[in-house]
Every structure is written in structure tokens, then in C-alpha cells.
Amino acid sequence: MMHWSFAYLDKLWSEQQDCYYWFAIIQREVFGRDAPYTDDDSARRHATRLLAWKQSAWQVTDVPADGDAVIMQMQGRPQDSHHIGVWCGDGVLHAQTGCRMAIDSVPTLQVQGWTIKEVLRYAGDL
């Protein structure tokens, strides 16, 4: 049986289907979680909103597991500029601006300029 992530590899990022869109879709389709999403917000605002919700729905974890939210920031970007992906095996499934979805290891993310700010686990899974 194929891993759940294979269904999402190579999906294309677009303004309507940004990193948070794919995060929300995966949370709903794979893990049965409702991650609020509206078409008129930017990915940055969604990821920032998830950070604000972490007190009630998501909690920081030091040991990532499949489905955890991975909040990232590009080195040299403003503090409120965030990117979000889903922990998957030993890496992060994410959709970068203008790219197809991919699973990148933490070292690969670092080479690409990403810093993992936090890994969050849905409180219902604790």
C-alpha cells in the first residue's frame, strides 16, 4: 500500500492552492481534521493564524510525527512571513511558491533557505 503522501506529490502551487490550502486539504482528507480555510487569505495569514491557534488546537512538539504542522520561515524574510507544510516520514511535504509539492528533508530545507520555526501537533492527537 502506498504512503498517503504519494497522492499529493507533484500537485502544483497556485495563488488559489498555496501552501496553507494544501496543508488544510491534507489535514481534512488524510487526518480527518478541520483546518479553517478561506480563499481570500494569503498563505502568510493562514500560517500566522495557525500559530495564534496553537494554544487551543495545536501544541508544540519536539518529536515530529506524520500529520504535524511544520511552520517555516525563509531566512532573511520578515518575522511575520511564514510557510507551512506537513510532517511526512523523515521530511516535510510542502508547496513552495511557483513549485510542485515535494517532500524535503530538514537538511534540504535548510539548504533551500528555510528555517523550521515550530512543529505543531493537533491537540486531539496528544
C-alpha atoms as a PDB file:
ATOM      1  CA  MET A   1       0.000   0.000   0.000  1.00  0.00           C
ATOM      2  CA  MET A   2       1.358   3.426  -0.948  1.00  0.00           C
ATOM      3  CA  HIS A   3       2.015   6.087   1.661  1.00  0.00           C
ATOM      4  CA  TRP A   4      -0.680   8.787   1.875  1.00  0.00           C
ATOM      5  CA  SER A   5       1.770  11.454   0.710  1.00  0.00           C
ATOM      6  CA  PHE A   6       2.065   9.993  -2.814  1.00  0.00           C
ATOM      7  CA  ALA A   7      -1.389  11.343  -3.684  1.00  0.00           C
ATOM      8  CA  TYR A   8      -0.126  14.898  -3.154  1.00  0.00           C
ATOM      9  CA  LEU A   9       3.331  14.798  -4.719  1.00  0.00           C
ATOM     10  CA  ASP A  10       3.621  16.950  -7.824  1.00  0.00           C
ATOM     11  CA  LYS A  11       0.425  18.932  -7.096  1.00  0.00           C
ATOM     12  CA  LEU A  12       1.112  22.434  -8.337  1.00  0.00           C
ATOM     13  CA  TRP A  13       1.192  25.509  -6.109  1.00  0.00           C
ATOM     14  CA  SER A  14      -1.010  28.355  -7.334  1.00  0.00           C
ATOM     15  CA  GLU A  15      -2.368  31.538  -5.784  1.00  0.00           C
ATOM     16  CA  GLN A  16      -5.611  29.668  -5.078  1.00  0.00           C
ATOM     17  CA  GLN A  17      -3.822  26.493  -3.955  1.00  0.00           C
ATOM     18  CA  ASP A  18      -0.988  27.796  -1.801  1.00  0.00           C
ATOM     19  CA  CYS A  19       0.923  26.066   0.986  1.00  0.00           C
ATOM     20  CA  TYR A  20      -1.860  26.549   3.517  1.00  0.00           C
ATOM     21  CA  TYR A  21      -4.503  25.322   1.072  1.00  0.00           C
ATOM     22  CA  TRP A  22      -2.599  22.035   0.700  1.00  0.00           C
ATOM     23  CA  PHE A  23      -1.994  21.852   4.455  1.00  0.00           C
ATOM     24  CA  ALA A  24      -5.752  22.229   5.090  1.00  0.00           C
ATOM     25  CA  ILE A  25      -6.668  19.687   2.385  1.00  0.00           C
ATOM     26  CA  ILE A  26      -4.235  17.094   3.771  1.00  0.00           C
ATOM     27  CA  GLN A  27      -5.423  17.658   7.330  1.00  0.00           C
ATOM     28  CA  ARG A  28      -9.030  17.081   6.233  1.00  0.00           C
ATOM     29  CA  GLU A  29      -8.564  14.263   3.695  1.00  0.00           C
ATOM     30  CA  VAL A  30      -5.867  12.241   5.447  1.00  0.00           C
ATOM     31  CA  PHE A  31      -6.238  13.019   9.146  1.00  0.00           C
ATOM     32  CA  GLY A  32      -9.921  13.999   9.423  1.00  0.00           C
ATOM     33  CA  ARG A  33      -9.119  17.391  10.966  1.00  0.00           C
ATOM     34  CA  ASP A  34     -10.789  20.663  10.153  1.00  0.00           C
ATOM     35  CA  ALA A  35      -8.186  23.336   9.421  1.00  0.00           C
ATOM     36  CA  PRO A  36     -10.088  26.548   8.642  1.00  0.00           C
ATOM     37  CA  TYR A  37      -9.503  27.868   5.138  1.00  0.00           C
ATOM     38  CA  THR A  38     -10.872  30.739   3.088  1.00  0.00           C
ATOM     39  CA  ASP A  39      -9.906  31.538  -0.487  1.00  0.00           C
ATOM     40  CA  ASP A  40      -9.347  35.250   0.141  1.00  0.00           C
ATOM     41  CA  ASP A  41      -6.492  34.975   2.667  1.00  0.00           C
ATOM     42  CA  SER A  42      -2.807  34.638   1.839  1.00  0.00           C
ATOM     43  CA  ALA A  43      -0.680  31.697   2.958  1.00  0.00           C
ATOM     44  CA  ARG A  44       1.192  34.006   5.321  1.00  0.00           C
ATOM     45  CA  ARG A  45      -2.013  34.985   7.093  1.00  0.00           C
ATOM     46  CA  HIS A  46      -3.120  31.350   7.353  1.00  0.00           C
ATOM     47  CA  ALA A  47       0.160  30.186   8.861  1.00  0.00           C
ATOM     48  CA  THR A  48       0.168  33.148  11.236  1.00  0.00           C
ATOM     49  CA  ARG A  49      -3.396  32.295  12.259  1.00  0.00           C
ATOM     50  CA  LEU A  50      -2.387  28.697  12.950  1.00  0.00           C
ATOM     51  CA  LEU A  51       0.408  29.972  15.173  1.00  0.00           C
ATOM     52  CA  ALA A  52      -2.157  32.000  17.124  1.00  0.00           C
ATOM     53  CA  TRP A  53      -4.441  28.956  17.454  1.00  0.00           C
ATOM     54  CA  LYS A  54      -1.709  26.731  18.814  1.00  0.00           C
ATOM     55  CA  GLN A  55      -2.771  27.464  22.398  1.00  0.00           C
ATOM     56  CA  SER A  56      -6.141  25.814  21.855  1.00  0.00           C
ATOM     57  CA  ALA A  57      -5.955  23.412  18.907  1.00  0.00           C
ATOM     58  CA  TRP A  58      -2.240  22.799  18.269  1.00  0.00           C
ATOM     59  CA  GLN A  59       0.676  22.295  20.638  1.00  0.00           C
ATOM     60  CA  VAL A  60       4.421  22.488  20.067  1.00  0.00           C
ATOM     61  CA  THR A  61       6.152  19.117  19.821  1.00  0.00           C
ATOM     62  CA  ASP A  62       9.843  18.221  19.767  1.00  0.00           C
ATOM     63  CA  VAL A  63       9.275  14.802  18.171  1.00  0.00           C
ATOM     64  CA  PRO A  64       7.573  15.254  14.776  1.00  0.00           C
ATOM     65  CA  ALA A  65       5.087  12.663  13.520  1.00  0.00           C
ATOM     66  CA  ASP A  66       3.102  12.272  10.309  1.00  0.00           C
ATOM     67  CA  GLY A  67       0.486  15.000  10.023  1.00  0.00           C
ATOM     68  CA  ASP A  68       2.143  17.561  12.289  1.00  0.00           C
ATOM     69  CA  ALA A  69       2.137  21.171  11.087  1.00  0.00           C
ATOM     70  CA  VAL A  70       5.599  22.474  10.227  1.00  0.00           C
ATOM     71  CA  ILE A  71       5.888  26.258  10.406  1.00  0.00           C
ATOM     72  CA  MET A  72       8.849  27.570   8.419  1.00  0.00           C
ATOM     73  CA  GLN A  73      10.390  30.920   7.629  1.00  0.00           C
ATOM     74  CA  MET A  74      12.687  31.832   4.761  1.00  0.00           C
ATOM     75  CA  GLN A  75      15.999  33.177   6.010  1.00  0.00           C
ATOM     76  CA  GLY A  76      16.176  36.937   5.553  1.00  0.00           C
ATOM     77  CA  ARG A  77      12.398  37.411   5.359  1.00  0.00           C
ATOM     78  CA  PRO A  78      10.263  39.375   7.840  1.00  0.00           C
ATOM     79  CA  GLN A  79       9.312  37.621  11.088  1.00  0.00           C
ATOM     80  CA  ASP A  80       5.628  37.509  10.107  1.00  0.00           C
ATOM     81  CA  SER A  81       6.386  35.767   6.808  1.00  0.00           C
ATOM     82  CA  HIS A  82       5.617  32.073   7.249  1.00  0.00           C
ATOM     83  CA  HIS A  83       5.353  28.916   5.190  1.00  0.00           C
ATOM     84  CA  ILE A  84       3.569  25.746   6.286  1.00  0.00           C
ATOM     85  CA  GLY A  85       3.988  22.090   5.465  1.00  0.00           C
ATOM     86  CA  VAL A  86       3.028  18.685   6.833  1.00  0.00           C
ATOM     87  CA  TRP A  87       5.494  16.357   8.542  1.00  0.00           C
ATOM     88  CA  CYS A  88       5.775  13.206   6.457  1.00  0.00           C
ATOM     89  CA  GLY A  89       8.109  10.335   7.359  1.00  0.00           C
ATOM     90  CA  ASP A  90      11.523  11.957   7.772  1.00  0.00           C
ATOM     91  CA  GLY A  91      10.730  15.201   5.985  1.00  0.00           C
ATOM     92  CA  VAL A  92       8.205  17.886   5.184  1.00  0.00           C
ATOM     93  CA  LEU A  93       5.572  17.746   2.440  1.00  0.00           C
ATOM     94  CA  HIS A  94       5.062  21.322   1.271  1.00  0.00           C
ATOM     95  CA  ALA A  95       4.198  23.538  -1.690  1.00  0.00           C
ATOM     96  CA  GLN A  96       6.600  26.402  -2.308  1.00  0.00           C
ATOM     97  CA  THR A  97       5.553  29.411  -4.346  1.00  0.00           C
ATOM     98  CA  GLY A  98       5.598  28.506  -8.032  1.00  0.00           C
ATOM     99  CA  CYS A  99       6.636  24.883  -7.417  1.00  0.00           C
ATOM    100  CA  ARG A 100       5.083  21.454  -7.248  1.00  0.00           C
ATOM    101  CA  MET A 101       4.558  19.772  -3.897  1.00  0.00           C
ATOM    102  CA  ALA A 102       7.568  17.829  -2.699  1.00  0.00           C
ATOM    103  CA  ILE A 103       8.892  16.074   0.370  1.00  0.00           C
ATOM    104  CA  ASP A 104      12.138  17.650   1.535  1.00  0.00           C
ATOM    105  CA  SER A 105      14.370  16.512   4.370  1.00  0.00           C
ATOM    106  CA  VAL A 106      15.280  19.012   7.073  1.00  0.00           C
ATOM    107  CA  PRO A 107      18.850  19.389   5.699  1.00  0.00           C
ATOM    108  CA  THR A 108      17.437  20.029   2.197  1.00  0.00           C
ATOM    109  CA  LEU A 109      15.052  22.648   3.586  1.00  0.00           C
ATOM    110  CA  GLN A 110      17.997  24.347   5.283  1.00  0.00           C
ATOM    111  CA  VAL A 111      19.996  24.383   2.036  1.00  0.00           C
ATOM    112  CA  GLN A 112      16.955  25.962   0.332  1.00  0.00           C
ATOM    113  CA  GLY A 113      16.997  28.710   2.987  1.00  0.00           C
ATOM    114  CA  TRP A 114      14.123  27.530   5.190  1.00  0.00           C
ATOM    115  CA  THR A 115      14.251  27.569   8.984  1.00  0.00           C
ATOM    116  CA  ILE A 116      11.774  25.420  10.890  1.00  0.00           C
ATOM    117  CA  LYS A 117      10.246  27.726  13.483  1.00  0.00           C
ATOM    118  CA  GLU A 118       7.931  25.212  15.146  1.00  0.00           C
ATOM    119  CA  VAL A 119       6.399  21.799  14.722  1.00  0.00           C
ATOM    120  CA  LEU A 120       2.832  21.674  15.997  1.00  0.00           C
ATOM    121  CA  ARG A 121       0.702  18.646  16.811  1.00  0.00           C
ATOM    122  CA  TYR A 122      -3.074  18.691  16.741  1.00  0.00           C
ATOM    123  CA  ALA A 123      -4.200  18.641  20.388  1.00  0.00           C
ATOM    124  CA  GLY A 124      -6.647  15.816  19.714  1.00  0.00           C
ATOM    125  CA  ASP A 125      -3.672  13.564  18.894  1.00  0.00           C
ATOM    126  CA  LEU A 126      -1.837  14.113  22.198  1.00  0.00           C
END
